[in-house]
Protein backbone atom coordinates (compact mmCIF):
# COMPACT_ATOMS: atom_id res chain seq x y z
CA UNK A 1 -0.25 18.76 10.46
CA UNK A 2 2.19 15.90 9.93
CA UNK A 3 0.93 12.41 8.87
CA UNK A 4 2.73 10.79 11.82
CA UNK A 5 0.79 12.93 14.33
CA UNK A 6 -2.40 10.90 13.87
CA UNK A 7 -2.99 8.12 16.38
CA UNK A 8 -5.25 5.94 14.22
CA UNK A 9 -5.54 5.18 10.54
CA UNK A 10 -9.20 6.15 10.55
CA UNK A 11 -8.38 9.63 11.88
CA UNK A 12 -5.84 10.11 9.10
CA UNK A 13 -8.31 8.89 6.46
CA UNK A 14 -10.92 11.40 7.61
CA UNK A 15 -8.40 14.26 7.69
CA UNK A 16 -7.00 13.36 4.27
CA UNK A 17 -10.45 13.17 2.73
CA UNK A 18 -11.17 16.71 3.96
CA UNK A 19 -7.77 17.90 2.71
CA UNK A 20 -8.56 16.52 -0.74
CA UNK A 21 -11.89 18.33 -0.96
CA UNK A 22 -10.33 21.57 0.34
CA UNK A 23 -7.34 21.23 -2.04
CA UNK A 24 -4.82 21.34 0.79
CA UNK A 25 -1.97 20.15 -1.41
CA UNK A 26 0.78 20.94 1.13
CA UNK A 27 -0.50 18.12 3.32
CA UNK A 28 -0.69 15.78 0.30
CA UNK A 29 2.97 16.52 -0.44
CA UNK A 30 3.83 15.35 3.09
CA UNK A 31 1.74 12.21 2.62
CA UNK A 32 3.07 11.24 -0.83
CA UNK A 33 6.42 9.74 0.37
CA UNK A 34 4.46 7.06 2.26
CA UNK A 35 3.12 5.57 -0.99
CA UNK A 36 4.47 1.97 -1.30
CA UNK A 37 5.76 2.73 -4.79
CA UNK A 38 7.95 5.86 -4.60
CA UNK A 39 6.57 8.88 -6.47
CA UNK A 40 8.40 12.11 -7.23
CA UNK A 41 6.73 15.30 -6.13
CA UNK A 42 4.41 16.68 -8.85
CA UNK A 43 3.99 20.25 -10.04
CA UNK A 44 0.50 20.14 -8.51
CA UNK A 45 -2.37 17.83 -7.56
CA UNK A 46 -5.90 17.38 -8.81
CA UNK A 47 -8.77 15.51 -7.17
CA UNK A 48 -11.74 14.63 -9.35
CA UNK A 49 -14.27 11.80 -9.47
CA UNK A 50 -12.84 10.37 -6.22
CA UNK A 51 -9.41 9.99 -7.80
CA UNK A 52 -6.16 11.79 -6.92
CA UNK A 53 -3.95 12.81 -9.84
CA UNK A 54 -0.31 13.90 -9.75
CA UNK A 55 0.24 16.63 -12.35
CA UNK A 56 3.69 16.76 -13.95
CA UNK A 57 4.97 18.99 -16.73
CA UNK A 58 4.42 16.42 -19.47
CA UNK A 59 1.86 14.00 -18.05
CA UNK A 60 -0.49 13.18 -15.19
CA UNK A 61 -0.64 10.05 -13.05
CA UNK A 62 -3.43 8.71 -10.86
CA UNK A 63 -2.52 7.29 -7.42
CA UNK A 64 -4.27 5.74 -4.46
CA UNK A 65 -4.25 8.17 -1.53
CA UNK A 66 -5.40 5.40 0.80
CA UNK A 67 -2.21 3.48 0.00
CA UNK A 68 -0.30 6.50 1.32
CA UNK A 69 -2.37 6.50 4.51
CA UNK A 70 -1.73 2.80 5.05
CA UNK A 71 1.99 3.41 4.56
CA UNK A 72 2.08 5.82 7.52
CA UNK A 73 1.07 3.04 9.92
CA UNK A 74 3.31 0.28 8.60
CA UNK A 75 6.54 -0.77 10.30
CA UNK A 76 9.88 -1.19 8.45
CA UNK A 77 9.36 -4.88 7.56
CA UNK A 78 5.79 -4.30 6.48
CA UNK A 79 6.81 -1.27 4.45
CA UNK A 80 9.53 -3.32 2.73
CA UNK A 81 7.01 -6.04 1.89
CA UNK A 82 4.49 -3.53 0.60
CA UNK A 83 7.12 -1.87 -1.59
CA UNK A 84 8.26 -5.22 -2.98
CA UNK A 85 4.64 -6.14 -3.76
CA UNK A 86 4.22 -2.84 -5.60
CA UNK A 87 7.46 -3.32 -7.55
CA UNK A 88 6.55 -6.92 -8.40
CA UNK A 89 3.17 -5.86 -9.79
CA UNK A 90 4.75 -2.94 -11.63
CA UNK A 91 7.23 -5.33 -13.26
CA UNK A 92 4.42 -7.72 -14.22
CA UNK A 93 2.42 -4.85 -15.76
CA UNK A 94 5.45 -3.58 -17.67
CA UNK A 95 5.99 -7.04 -19.15
CA UNK A 96 2.52 -6.94 -20.76
CA UNK A 97 2.40 -3.28 -21.84
CA UNK A 98 2.44 -4.24 -25.53
CA UNK A 99 -0.88 -6.04 -24.98
CA UNK A 100 -2.48 -2.97 -23.37
CA UNK A 101 -0.91 0.11 -24.96
CA UNK A 102 -3.01 0.08 -28.14
CA UNK A 103 -6.27 -0.12 -26.12
CA UNK A 104 -5.69 3.04 -24.09
CA UNK A 105 -8.08 5.95 -24.51
CA UNK A 106 -7.91 9.45 -23.01
CA UNK A 107 -9.53 9.60 -19.58
CA UNK A 108 -9.87 5.81 -19.31
CA UNK A 109 -7.84 2.97 -17.83
CA UNK A 110 -7.46 -0.55 -19.19
CA UNK A 111 -8.66 -3.00 -16.54
CA UNK A 112 -9.20 -6.73 -16.21
CA UNK A 113 -12.78 -7.94 -16.51
CA UNK A 114 -13.23 -10.02 -13.36
CA UNK A 115 -16.73 -11.13 -14.41
CA UNK A 116 -15.62 -12.84 -17.60
CA UNK A 117 -12.04 -13.56 -16.59
CA UNK A 118 -9.76 -12.90 -13.61
CA UNK A 119 -8.37 -9.81 -11.95
CA UNK A 120 -4.75 -8.93 -12.64
CA UNK A 121 -3.68 -9.93 -9.12
CA UNK A 122 -5.34 -13.32 -9.49
CA UNK A 123 -3.68 -13.96 -12.85
CA UNK A 124 -0.27 -13.05 -11.46
CA UNK A 125 -0.80 -15.14 -8.34
CA UNK A 126 -1.81 -18.19 -10.40
CA UNK A 127 1.19 -17.78 -12.68
CA UNK A 128 3.64 -17.44 -9.77
CA UNK A 129 2.12 -20.23 -7.66
CA UNK A 130 4.82 -22.84 -8.49
CA UNK A 131 7.65 -20.26 -8.41
CA UNK A 132 9.74 -19.67 -5.27
CA UNK A 133 11.90 -16.78 -6.47
CA UNK A 134 11.29 -13.70 -8.57
CA UNK A 135 14.16 -11.29 -9.08
CA UNK A 136 13.31 -7.80 -10.28
CA UNK A 137 15.63 -5.37 -12.01
CA UNK A 138 15.16 -1.71 -12.84
CA UNK A 139 16.76 0.23 -15.66
CA UNK A 140 14.12 2.74 -16.71
CA UNK A 141 11.31 0.61 -15.25
CA UNK A 142 10.88 -2.57 -13.24
CA UNK A 143 11.10 -5.86 -15.16
CA UNK A 144 11.57 -9.53 -14.33
CA UNK A 145 15.32 -10.09 -14.24
CA UNK A 146 14.84 -13.56 -15.74
CA UNK A 147 13.84 -12.71 -19.31
CA UNK A 148 12.49 -16.22 -19.93
CA UNK A 149 10.15 -15.78 -16.97
CA UNK A 150 9.08 -12.40 -18.34
CA UNK A 151 8.26 -13.90 -21.72
CA UNK A 152 6.37 -16.80 -20.15
CA UNK A 153 4.31 -14.37 -18.05
CA UNK A 154 3.48 -12.28 -21.12
CA UNK A 155 2.24 -15.39 -22.95
CA UNK A 156 0.21 -16.49 -19.91
CA UNK A 157 -1.39 -13.04 -19.60
CA UNK A 158 -2.21 -12.92 -23.32
CA UNK A 159 -3.91 -16.31 -23.10
CA UNK A 160 -5.95 -15.71 -19.92
CA UNK A 161 -6.59 -11.96 -19.48
CA UNK A 162 -9.94 -10.44 -20.45
CA UNK A 163 -9.43 -6.68 -20.79
CA UNK A 164 -11.96 -3.86 -20.61
CA UNK A 165 -12.06 -0.07 -20.38
CA UNK A 166 -12.67 1.37 -16.89
CA UNK A 167 -12.95 4.78 -15.27
CA UNK A 168 -9.76 5.67 -13.35
CA UNK A 169 -11.57 5.57 -9.99
CA UNK A 170 -12.95 2.06 -10.63
CA UNK A 171 -9.58 0.83 -11.84
CA UNK A 172 -7.69 2.21 -8.82
CA UNK A 173 -10.18 0.69 -6.38
CA UNK A 174 -9.47 -2.72 -7.85
CA UNK A 175 -13.26 -3.18 -8.03
CA UNK A 176 -15.15 -3.18 -4.74
CA UNK A 177 -15.75 -6.53 -3.15
CA UNK A 178 -12.28 -7.84 -3.92
CA UNK A 179 -10.45 -8.88 -0.78
CA UNK A 180 -6.84 -7.81 -1.16
CA UNK A 181 -4.06 -9.95 0.28
CA UNK A 182 -0.27 -9.86 0.42
CA UNK A 183 -0.01 -13.19 -1.39
CA UNK A 184 3.47 -12.35 -2.70
CA UNK A 185 5.04 -12.22 0.78
CA UNK A 186 6.79 -15.52 0.13
CA UNK A 187 8.72 -13.92 -2.75
CA UNK A 188 9.81 -10.85 -0.83
CA UNK A 189 13.49 -10.34 0.09
CA UNK A 190 14.35 -9.92 3.75
CA UNK A 191 16.32 -6.89 4.87
CA UNK A 192 19.58 -8.72 5.58
CA UNK A 193 19.49 -10.39 2.15
CA UNK A 194 19.36 -6.98 0.48
CA UNK A 195 22.41 -5.48 2.19
CA UNK A 196 24.97 -6.46 -0.48
CA UNK A 197 22.74 -6.08 -3.54
CA UNK A 198 22.47 -3.14 -5.95
CA UNK A 199 19.59 -0.80 -5.18
CA UNK A 200 17.87 -1.61 -8.47
CA UNK A 201 17.62 -5.38 -7.86
CA UNK A 202 15.16 -7.34 -5.71
CA UNK A 203 16.29 -10.89 -4.93
CA UNK A 204 14.14 -13.14 -2.72
CA UNK A 205 16.04 -15.64 -0.55
CA UNK A 206 16.01 -19.37 -1.22
CA UNK A 207 13.39 -21.24 0.79
CA UNK A 208 11.41 -18.14 1.73
CA UNK A 209 8.50 -18.93 4.01
CA UNK A 210 5.18 -19.54 2.30
């Protein structure tokens, strides 16, 4: 089966869930390119505790299989927006890695305690509220191109984030009950604005719609 053969998202979700339990990794390899944040093909897959892991030679990485399913049914503009959102959040996380790295423990993720503080998305949204442009640049990993902005975000995160240890499945779900939204659409570059830019740079246009 090919991901594009399914007529509805719900049908694909049901099929993928069965494929995960039956360890049908060939189908997962076909589905992986639809993830909003590009992933290279792993040596193998593992599905445990409701979480999908990509197994590489030197490490493993947990991913959201439902994000892949959603990617199958998105059009070009929506896919571009989703990818920019993923890259923006990746850049924001990379800017604060020094605050999180020392807390990591094997088999656990570092999450944001939304009961005593705010979720990561909420912190980033609040920080970016007065900002109309965010350029991203990638060398080895995504970062804010404006280094002053990156430093200001790191300080803001350090002052407002309440961190806690979470199981991978809980961390990937973003905690049930949280209504996700594409709040960063106003920062996203449009296709024609990207034509003359290097592949490793995201530059939102001036006066992007809010």
